[in-house]
Protein backbone atom coordinates (compact mmCIF):
# COMPACT_ATOMS: atom_id res chain seq x y z
CA MET A 1 -67.95 -70.93 -86.98
CA GLN A 2 -65.42 -70.79 -89.84
CA ASP A 3 -66.09 -67.06 -90.32
CA ARG A 4 -65.38 -66.39 -86.64
CA VAL A 5 -62.15 -68.42 -86.80
CA ARG A 6 -61.12 -66.71 -90.06
CA ASP A 7 -61.77 -63.27 -88.52
CA GLN A 8 -59.86 -64.18 -85.34
CA MET A 9 -56.81 -65.34 -87.30
CA ALA A 10 -56.94 -62.31 -89.62
CA ALA A 11 -57.03 -60.02 -86.56
CA TYR A 12 -54.04 -61.83 -85.03
CA LEU A 13 -52.07 -61.46 -88.27
CA ALA A 14 -52.96 -57.75 -88.47
CA ALA A 15 -51.90 -57.15 -84.84
CA ASN A 16 -48.41 -58.55 -85.42
CA ARG A 17 -45.72 -57.82 -87.99
CA VAL A 18 -42.79 -60.21 -87.53
CA ALA A 19 -42.60 -63.94 -88.26
CA THR A 20 -40.09 -66.72 -88.72
CA LEU A 21 -40.28 -68.02 -92.29
CA CYS A 22 -39.07 -71.54 -93.13
CA ALA A 23 -38.47 -72.93 -96.62
CA ALA A 24 -37.32 -76.44 -97.45
CA GLY A 25 -34.40 -77.11 -99.74
CA PRO A 26 -33.20 -80.45 -101.10
CA GLN A 27 -30.73 -81.03 -98.25
CA ARG A 28 -31.87 -78.73 -95.45
CA VAL A 29 -34.33 -76.12 -94.23
CA ALA A 30 -33.65 -72.39 -94.22
CA SER A 31 -35.32 -70.09 -91.73
CA THR A 32 -35.19 -66.34 -91.38
CA LEU A 33 -37.01 -63.55 -89.58
CA VAL A 34 -39.27 -61.51 -91.84
CA ALA A 35 -41.36 -58.41 -91.47
CA TYR A 36 -44.80 -58.82 -92.99
CA ARG A 37 -48.01 -57.00 -93.80
CA SER A 38 -51.31 -58.83 -93.88
CA HIS A 39 -54.38 -58.42 -95.98
CA ARG A 40 -56.93 -60.67 -94.29
CA LEU A 41 -55.12 -64.04 -94.40
CA THR A 42 -52.66 -63.26 -97.21
CA LEU A 43 -49.18 -62.08 -96.18
CA THR A 44 -46.61 -59.94 -97.97
CA CYS A 45 -43.22 -60.71 -96.46
CA GLN A 46 -40.00 -58.75 -96.70
CA VAL A 47 -37.29 -61.43 -97.02
CA PRO A 48 -33.55 -60.64 -96.76
CA GLY A 49 -31.91 -61.04 -100.16
CA TRP A 50 -29.05 -63.04 -98.65
CA SER A 51 -31.37 -65.67 -97.16
CA ASP A 52 -31.18 -69.21 -98.51
CA ALA A 53 -34.96 -69.25 -98.13
CA LEU A 54 -35.33 -67.15 -101.29
CA TYR A 55 -33.29 -69.65 -103.29
CA TYR A 56 -35.28 -72.60 -101.90
CA LEU A 57 -38.58 -70.90 -102.72
CA GLU A 58 -37.61 -70.94 -106.39
CA GLN A 59 -37.65 -74.76 -106.27
CA ASN A 60 -40.46 -75.30 -103.77
CA PRO A 61 -43.02 -72.55 -103.02
CA GLN A 62 -44.33 -74.22 -99.85
CA VAL A 63 -43.50 -72.24 -96.72
CA ALA A 64 -44.24 -72.31 -93.02
CA LEU A 65 -44.32 -69.25 -90.80
CA THR A 66 -44.53 -69.00 -87.03
CA ILE A 67 -45.93 -65.83 -85.49
CA ILE A 68 -45.62 -65.67 -81.70
CA LEU A 69 -47.20 -63.31 -79.21
CA GLY A 70 -46.10 -63.56 -75.59
CA ASP A 71 -48.10 -61.82 -72.90
CA GLN A 72 -47.25 -62.25 -69.21
CA ASN A 73 -50.91 -61.93 -68.30
CA ARG A 74 -52.29 -64.25 -70.98
CA GLY A 75 -49.51 -66.74 -71.69
CA LEU A 76 -48.29 -67.63 -75.15
CA CYS A 77 -50.36 -67.52 -78.29
CA TRP A 78 -49.02 -68.32 -81.73
CA LEU A 79 -49.97 -69.09 -85.29
CA TYR A 80 -48.41 -71.81 -87.37
CA TYR A 81 -49.12 -70.68 -90.93
CA GLN A 82 -48.57 -72.95 -93.96
CA GLY A 83 -48.91 -71.56 -97.45
CA LEU A 84 -47.61 -71.07 -100.96
CA ALA A 85 -45.16 -68.27 -101.76
CA GLN A 86 -44.89 -66.27 -104.96
CA PRO A 87 -42.84 -63.21 -105.89
CA ALA A 88 -44.56 -59.90 -105.20
CA PRO A 89 -43.97 -56.57 -106.95
CA SER A 90 -41.11 -54.76 -105.18
CA GLU A 91 -41.38 -51.26 -106.64
CA ASN A 92 -42.44 -49.78 -103.28
CA LEU A 93 -39.66 -51.49 -101.35
CA SER A 94 -37.32 -48.88 -99.86
CA ASN A 95 -34.44 -51.25 -99.08
CA PRO A 96 -32.85 -53.04 -102.07
CA LEU A 97 -31.38 -55.71 -99.75
CA TYR A 98 -34.84 -57.27 -99.38
CA ARG A 99 -37.29 -59.02 -101.70
CA LEU A 100 -41.05 -59.22 -101.33
CA ILE A 101 -42.98 -62.46 -101.47
CA ARG A 102 -46.72 -62.95 -101.18
CA VAL A 103 -47.87 -65.97 -99.21
CA LEU A 104 -51.30 -67.46 -99.81
CA PRO A 105 -52.58 -69.51 -96.88
CA ARG A 106 -53.35 -73.22 -97.07
CA ARG A 107 -53.62 -74.09 -93.37
CA ILE A 108 -53.36 -71.97 -90.22
CA ASP A 109 -53.22 -73.37 -86.70
CA MET A 110 -53.71 -71.12 -83.68
CA ILE A 111 -52.40 -72.35 -80.35
CA ASP A 112 -53.59 -70.22 -77.43
CA GLU A 113 -52.44 -71.27 -73.95
CA GLN A 114 -55.15 -69.14 -72.37
CA ALA A 115 -57.72 -71.52 -73.87
CA GLY A 116 -55.90 -74.42 -72.18
CA PRO A 117 -52.82 -76.57 -72.77
CA GLY A 118 -52.75 -78.12 -76.21
CA VAL A 119 -55.88 -76.35 -77.45
CA ARG A 120 -55.56 -75.73 -81.17
CA THR A 121 -57.89 -74.08 -83.66
CA THR A 122 -57.31 -75.01 -87.31
CA LEU A 123 -58.39 -73.25 -90.48
CA GLU A 124 -58.01 -75.05 -93.81
CA VAL A 125 -58.08 -72.66 -96.75
CA LEU A 126 -59.21 -73.74 -100.19
CA ALA A 127 -56.73 -73.49 -103.06
CA SER A 128 -58.68 -70.51 -104.42
CA GLY A 129 -57.40 -68.35 -101.53
CA GLU A 130 -59.18 -66.70 -98.62
């Protein structure tokens, strides 16, 4: 069952490319839109250099991302992705106004309205990664 859930969430991540990233600071939360690439459940996010989220990640690497897919025929489906961020090599980044971070998953919740209201599938990921 876990392999099916893991594959389903990896496919959802691969089919999308934009998320809202949230990082907590000492006094507030910063959120920003990010483009991302996925490798299975691990994400590489392109974060704007001006975002407070980058500064907050230096103090606290825990992040949350929301990835939403709306389909008029299916209803809403989204992932709530919690993980740990770390700097990623940026040598292939074409725009110097952005920084790359790699996010390793810790917990991913999929909410799919087609499956019914309030139906949630959860995947807990061990600290060793995927």
